[in-house]
């Protein structure tokens, strides 16, 4: 008697193909986001720090 688990199932094949496609899309988007974050993190320390606005000295009022 043949093993029924070894028979081809076209519905299972279509379902697995769709699931694999979705997983590939999600993996690609996650990889792209991680690369963007890494690129931003690597370039942030290389740029000079933003200059702080100098505050005016407080005038000494009347006593």
PDB file of N, CA and C in Angstrom:
ATOM      1  N   UNK A   1       0.840  -1.173   0.000  1.00  0.00           N
ATOM      2  CA  UNK A   1       0.000   0.000   0.000  1.00  0.00           C
ATOM      3  C   UNK A   1       0.893   1.246   0.000  1.00  0.00           C
ATOM      4  N   UNK A   2       0.548   2.218  -0.834  1.00  0.00           N
ATOM      5  CA  UNK A   2       1.338   3.439  -0.963  1.00  0.00           C
ATOM      6  C   UNK A   2       1.068   4.364   0.222  1.00  0.00           C
ATOM      7  N   UNK A   3       2.082   5.091   0.581  1.00  0.00           N
ATOM      8  CA  UNK A   3       1.971   6.039   1.688  1.00  0.00           C
ATOM      9  C   UNK A   3       1.190   7.266   1.210  1.00  0.00           C
ATOM     10  N   UNK A   4       0.055   7.630   1.835  1.00  0.00           N
ATOM     11  CA  UNK A   4      -0.729   8.778   1.368  1.00  0.00           C
ATOM     12  C   UNK A   4      -0.025  10.121   1.621  1.00  0.00           C
ATOM     13  N   UNK A   5       0.924  10.180   2.530  1.00  0.00           N
ATOM     14  CA  UNK A   5       1.639  11.422   2.816  1.00  0.00           C
ATOM     15  C   UNK A   5       2.614  11.785   1.713  1.00  0.00           C
ATOM     16  N   UNK A   6       2.939  10.834   0.856  1.00  0.00           N
ATOM     17  CA  UNK A   6       3.884  11.103  -0.222  1.00  0.00           C
ATOM     18  C   UNK A   6       3.199  11.522  -1.516  1.00  0.00           C
ATOM     19  N   UNK A   7       1.874  11.529  -1.539  1.00  0.00           N
ATOM     20  CA  UNK A   7       1.146  11.958  -2.732  1.00  0.00           C
ATOM     21  C   UNK A   7       1.280  13.462  -2.905  1.00  0.00           C
ATOM     22  N   UNK A   8       1.240  13.923  -4.128  1.00  0.00           N
ATOM     23  CA  UNK A   8       1.319  15.357  -4.406  1.00  0.00           C
ATOM     24  C   UNK A   8      -0.028  15.997  -4.093  1.00  0.00           C
ATOM     25  N   UNK A   9       0.033  17.173  -3.491  1.00  0.00           N
ATOM     26  CA  UNK A   9      -1.168  17.902  -3.131  1.00  0.00           C
ATOM     27  C   UNK A   9      -1.048  19.302  -3.743  1.00  0.00           C
ATOM     28  N   UNK A  10      -1.764  19.600  -4.807  1.00  0.00           N
ATOM     29  CA  UNK A  10      -1.608  20.900  -5.469  1.00  0.00           C
ATOM     30  C   UNK A  10      -2.040  22.074  -4.585  1.00  0.00           C
ATOM     31  N   UNK A  11      -3.030  21.867  -3.717  1.00  0.00           N
ATOM     32  CA  UNK A  11      -3.465  22.958  -2.836  1.00  0.00           C
ATOM     33  C   UNK A  11      -2.399  23.286  -1.804  1.00  0.00           C
ATOM     34  N   UNK A  12      -1.754  22.249  -1.270  1.00  0.00           N
ATOM     35  CA  UNK A  12      -0.671  22.474  -0.317  1.00  0.00           C
ATOM     36  C   UNK A  12       0.490  23.173  -1.005  1.00  0.00           C
ATOM     37  N   UNK A  13       0.759  22.798  -2.229  1.00  0.00           N
ATOM     38  CA  UNK A  13       1.839  23.432  -2.981  1.00  0.00           C
ATOM     39  C   UNK A  13       1.550  24.909  -3.212  1.00  0.00           C
ATOM     40  N   UNK A  14       0.317  25.239  -3.589  1.00  0.00           N
ATOM     41  CA  UNK A  14      -0.033  26.645  -3.816  1.00  0.00           C
ATOM     42  C   UNK A  14       0.041  27.434  -2.513  1.00  0.00           C
ATOM     43  N   UNK A  15      -0.427  26.830  -1.415  1.00  0.00           N
ATOM     44  CA  UNK A  15      -0.416  27.513  -0.135  1.00  0.00           C
ATOM     45  C   UNK A  15       1.013  27.778   0.318  1.00  0.00           C
ATOM     46  N   UNK A  16       1.878  26.789   0.176  1.00  0.00           N
ATOM     47  CA  UNK A  16       3.275  26.962   0.571  1.00  0.00           C
ATOM     48  C   UNK A  16       3.991  27.980  -0.316  1.00  0.00           C
ATOM     49  N   UNK A  17       3.663  28.000  -1.593  1.00  0.00           N
ATOM     50  CA  UNK A  17       4.265  28.985  -2.490  1.00  0.00           C
ATOM     51  C   UNK A  17       3.864  30.407  -2.086  1.00  0.00           C
ATOM     52  N   UNK A  18       2.604  30.590  -1.761  1.00  0.00           N
ATOM     53  CA  UNK A  18       2.141  31.912  -1.338  1.00  0.00           C
ATOM     54  C   UNK A  18       2.780  32.309  -0.010  1.00  0.00           C
ATOM     55  N   UNK A  19       2.863  31.366   0.913  1.00  0.00           N
ATOM     56  CA  UNK A  19       3.475  31.660   2.214  1.00  0.00           C
ATOM     57  C   UNK A  19       4.953  32.003   2.047  1.00  0.00           C
ATOM     58  N   UNK A  20       5.625  31.305   1.159  1.00  0.00           N
ATOM     59  CA  UNK A  20       7.034  31.576   0.905  1.00  0.00           C
ATOM     60  C   UNK A  20       7.215  32.958   0.281  1.00  0.00           C
ATOM     61  N   UNK A  21       6.310  33.342  -0.596  1.00  0.00           N
ATOM     62  CA  UNK A  21       6.370  34.664  -1.227  1.00  0.00           C
ATOM     63  C   UNK A  21       6.191  35.760  -0.186  1.00  0.00           C
ATOM     64  N   UNK A  22       5.223  35.584   0.712  1.00  0.00           N
ATOM     65  CA  UNK A  22       4.981  36.567   1.770  1.00  0.00           C
ATOM     66  C   UNK A  22       6.189  36.654   2.700  1.00  0.00           C
ATOM     67  N   UNK A  23       6.731  35.514   3.065  1.00  0.00           N
ATOM     68  CA  UNK A  23       7.891  35.504   3.956  1.00  0.00           C
ATOM     69  C   UNK A  23       9.079  36.198   3.302  1.00  0.00           C
ATOM     70  N   UNK A  24       9.261  36.008   2.015  1.00  0.00           N
ATOM     71  CA  UNK A  24      10.351  36.676   1.304  1.00  0.00           C
ATOM     72  C   UNK A  24      10.177  38.179   1.270  1.00  0.00           C
ATOM     73  N   UNK A  25       8.933  38.626   1.079  1.00  0.00           N
ATOM     74  CA  UNK A  25       8.646  40.065   1.068  1.00  0.00           C
ATOM     75  C   UNK A  25       8.919  40.682   2.428  1.00  0.00           C
ATOM     76  N   UNK A  26       8.448  40.024   3.479  1.00  0.00           N
ATOM     77  CA  UNK A  26       8.657  40.535   4.837  1.00  0.00           C
ATOM     78  C   UNK A  26      10.145  40.548   5.167  1.00  0.00           C
ATOM     79  N   UNK A  27      10.844  39.503   4.791  1.00  0.00           N
ATOM     80  CA  UNK A  27      12.277  39.435   5.063  1.00  0.00           C
ATOM     81  C   UNK A  27      13.013  40.550   4.333  1.00  0.00           C
ATOM     82  N   UNK A  28      12.628  40.817   3.087  1.00  0.00           N
ATOM     83  CA  UNK A  28      13.255  41.891   2.315  1.00  0.00           C
ATOM     84  C   UNK A  28      13.003  43.256   2.920  1.00  0.00           C
ATOM     85  N   UNK A  29      11.781  43.506   3.375  1.00  0.00           N
ATOM     86  CA  UNK A  29      11.464  44.796   3.992  1.00  0.00           C
ATOM     87  C   UNK A  29      12.205  44.968   5.311  1.00  0.00           C
ATOM     88  N   UNK A  30      12.301  43.914   6.095  1.00  0.00           N
ATOM     89  CA  UNK A  30      13.019  43.986   7.375  1.00  0.00           C
ATOM     90  C   UNK A  30      14.508  44.224   7.137  1.00  0.00           C
ATOM     91  N   UNK A  31      15.070  43.578   6.131  1.00  0.00           N
ATOM     92  CA  UNK A  31      16.484  43.770   5.815  1.00  0.00           C
ATOM     93  C   UNK A  31      16.745  45.196   5.363  1.00  0.00           C
ATOM     94  N   UNK A  32      15.868  45.732   4.529  1.00  0.00           N
ATOM     95  CA  UNK A  32      16.032  47.107   4.049  1.00  0.00           C
ATOM     96  C   UNK A  32      15.944  48.095   5.205  1.00  0.00           C
ATOM     97  N   UNK A  33      15.006  47.889   6.112  1.00  0.00           N
ATOM     98  CA  UNK A  33      14.870  48.782   7.268  1.00  0.00           C
ATOM     99  C   UNK A  33      16.105  48.703   8.162  1.00  0.00           C
ATOM    100  N   UNK A  34      16.610  47.497   8.368  1.00  0.00           N
ATOM    101  CA  UNK A  34      17.803  47.335   9.199  1.00  0.00           C
ATOM    102  C   UNK A  34      19.001  48.030   8.555  1.00  0.00           C
ATOM    103  N   UNK A  35      19.127  47.932   7.242  1.00  0.00           N
ATOM    104  CA  UNK A  35      20.237  48.610   6.558  1.00  0.00           C
ATOM    105  C   UNK A  35      20.101  50.123   6.651  1.00  0.00           C
ATOM    106  N   UNK A  36      18.866  50.637   6.535  1.00  0.00           N
ATOM    107  CA  UNK A  36      18.660  52.090   6.671  1.00  0.00           C
ATOM    108  C   UNK A  36      19.036  52.548   8.072  1.00  0.00           C
ATOM    109  N   UNK A  37      18.619  51.780   9.086  1.00  0.00           N
ATOM    110  CA  UNK A  37      18.947  52.143  10.461  1.00  0.00           C
ATOM    111  C   UNK A  37      20.446  52.089  10.702  1.00  0.00           C
ATOM    112  N   UNK A  38      21.097  51.082  10.169  1.00  0.00           N
ATOM    113  CA  UNK A  38      22.540  50.944  10.337  1.00  0.00           C
ATOM    114  C   UNK A  38      23.271  52.085   9.648  1.00  0.00           C
ATOM    115  N   UNK A  39      22.825  52.434   8.458  1.00  0.00           N
ATOM    116  CA  UNK A  39      23.448  53.531   7.723  1.00  0.00           C
ATOM    117  C   UNK A  39      23.283  54.848   8.477  1.00  0.00           C
ATOM    118  N   UNK A  40      22.099  55.081   9.045  1.00  0.00           N
ATOM    119  CA  UNK A  40      21.855  56.302   9.810  1.00  0.00           C
ATOM    120  C   UNK A  40      22.710  56.320  11.072  1.00  0.00           C
ATOM    121  N   UNK A  41      22.838  55.176  11.727  1.00  0.00           N
ATOM    122  CA  UNK A  41      23.631  55.115  12.953  1.00  0.00           C
ATOM    123  C   UNK A  41      25.115  55.321  12.662  1.00  0.00           C
ATOM    124  N   UNK A  42      25.568  54.833  11.521  1.00  0.00           N
ATOM    125  CA  UNK A  42      26.983  54.977  11.176  1.00  0.00           C
ATOM    126  C   UNK A  42      27.308  56.394  10.734  1.00  0.00           C
ATOM    127  N   UNK A  43      26.373  57.098  10.113  1.00  0.00           N
ATOM    128  CA  UNK A  43      26.660  58.430   9.608  1.00  0.00           C
ATOM    129  C   UNK A  43      26.430  59.502  10.669  1.00  0.00           C
ATOM    130  N   UNK A  44      25.642  59.227  11.697  1.00  0.00           N
ATOM    131  CA  UNK A  44      25.351  60.238  12.717  1.00  0.00           C
ATOM    132  C   UNK A  44      26.607  60.675  13.472  1.00  0.00           C
ATOM    133  N   UNK A  45      27.467  59.777  13.968  1.00  0.00           N
ATOM    134  CA  UNK A  45      28.653  60.233  14.682  1.00  0.00           C
ATOM    135  C   UNK A  45      29.666  60.927  13.757  1.00  0.00           C
ATOM    136  N   UNK A  46      29.616  60.656  12.468  1.00  0.00           N
ATOM    137  CA  UNK A  46      30.574  61.240  11.545  1.00  0.00           C
ATOM    138  C   UNK A  46      30.256  62.704  11.270  1.00  0.00           C
ATOM    139  N   UNK A  47      29.006  63.115  11.408  1.00  0.00           N
ATOM    140  CA  UNK A  47      28.656  64.497  11.148  1.00  0.00           C
ATOM    141  C   UNK A  47      28.998  65.341  12.375  1.00  0.00           C
ATOM    142  N   UNK A  48      29.389  66.595  12.152  1.00  0.00           N
ATOM    143  CA  UNK A  48      29.743  67.440  13.294  1.00  0.00           C
ATOM    144  C   UNK A  48      28.514  67.726  14.151  1.00  0.00           C
ATOM    145  N   UNK A  49      28.711  67.890  15.444  1.00  0.00           N
ATOM    146  CA  UNK A  49      27.555  68.157  16.300  1.00  0.00           C
ATOM    147  C   UNK A  49      26.949  69.515  15.989  1.00  0.00           C
ATOM    148  N   UNK A  50      25.670  69.616  16.176  1.00  0.00           N
ATOM    149  CA  UNK A  50      24.977  70.873  15.908  1.00  0.00           C
ATOM    150  C   UNK A  50      25.448  71.919  16.915  1.00  0.00           C
ATOM    151  N   UNK A  51      25.722  73.120  16.416  1.00  0.00           N
ATOM    152  CA  UNK A  51      26.193  74.168  17.316  1.00  0.00           C
ATOM    153  C   UNK A  51      25.024  74.674  18.148  1.00  0.00           C
ATOM    154  N   UNK A  52      25.305  74.921  19.388  1.00  0.00           N
ATOM    155  CA  UNK A  52      24.268  75.417  20.288  1.00  0.00           C
ATOM    156  C   UNK A  52      24.237  76.934  20.180  1.00  0.00           C
ATOM    157  N   UNK A  53      23.079  77.494  20.218  1.00  0.00           N
ATOM    158  CA  UNK A  53      22.937  78.941  20.159  1.00  0.00           C
ATOM    159  C   UNK A  53      23.473  79.534  21.456  1.00  0.00           C
ATOM    160  N   UNK A  54      24.295  80.537  21.306  1.00  0.00           N
ATOM    161  CA  UNK A  54      24.854  81.171  22.492  1.00  0.00           C
ATOM    162  C   UNK A  54      23.778  82.031  23.142  1.00  0.00           C
ATOM    163  N   UNK A  55      23.661  81.880  24.429  1.00  0.00           N
ATOM    164  CA  UNK A  55      22.657  82.670  25.132  1.00  0.00           C
ATOM    165  C   UNK A  55      23.259  84.019  25.507  1.00  0.00           C
ATOM    166  N   UNK A  56      22.420  85.013  25.512  1.00  0.00           N
ATOM    167  CA  UNK A  56      22.875  86.350  25.880  1.00  0.00           C
ATOM    168  C   UNK A  56      23.108  86.388  27.377  1.00  0.00           C
ATOM    169  N   UNK A  57      24.140  87.087  27.797  1.00  0.00           N
ATOM    170  CA  UNK A  57      24.348  87.176  29.242  1.00  0.00           C
ATOM    171  C   UNK A  57      23.196  87.969  29.884  1.00  0.00           C
ATOM    172  N   UNK A  58      22.765  87.479  30.991  1.00  0.00           N
ATOM    173  CA  UNK A  58      21.656  88.144  31.663  1.00  0.00           C
ATOM    174  C   UNK A  58      22.139  89.462  32.230  1.00  0.00           C
ATOM    175  N   UNK A  59      21.381  90.480  31.983  1.00  0.00           N
ATOM    176  CA  UNK A  59      21.766  91.792  32.495  1.00  0.00           C
ATOM    177  C   UNK A  59      21.458  91.870  33.986  1.00  0.00           C
ATOM    178  N   UNK A  60      22.345  92.510  34.671  1.00  0.00           N
ATOM    179  CA  UNK A  60      22.124  92.669  36.106  1.00  0.00           C
ATOM    180  C   UNK A  60      21.165  93.837  36.286  1.00  0.00           C
ATOM    181  N   UNK A  61      20.043  93.556  36.770  1.00  0.00           N
ATOM    182  CA  UNK A  61      19.030  94.590  36.968  1.00  0.00           C
ATOM    183  C   UNK A  61      19.350  95.464  38.167  1.00  0.00           C
ATOM    184  N   UNK A  62      18.503  96.399  38.426  1.00  0.00           N
ATOM    185  CA  UNK A  62      18.690  97.295  39.572  1.00  0.00           C
ATOM    186  C   UNK A  62      18.533  96.511  40.855  1.00  0.00           C
ATOM    187  N   UNK A  63      19.291  96.882  41.797  1.00  0.00           N
ATOM    188  CA  UNK A  63      19.202  96.228  43.108  1.00  0.00           C
ATOM    189  C   UNK A  63      18.479  97.092  44.070  1.00  0.00           C
TER     190      UNK A  63
END
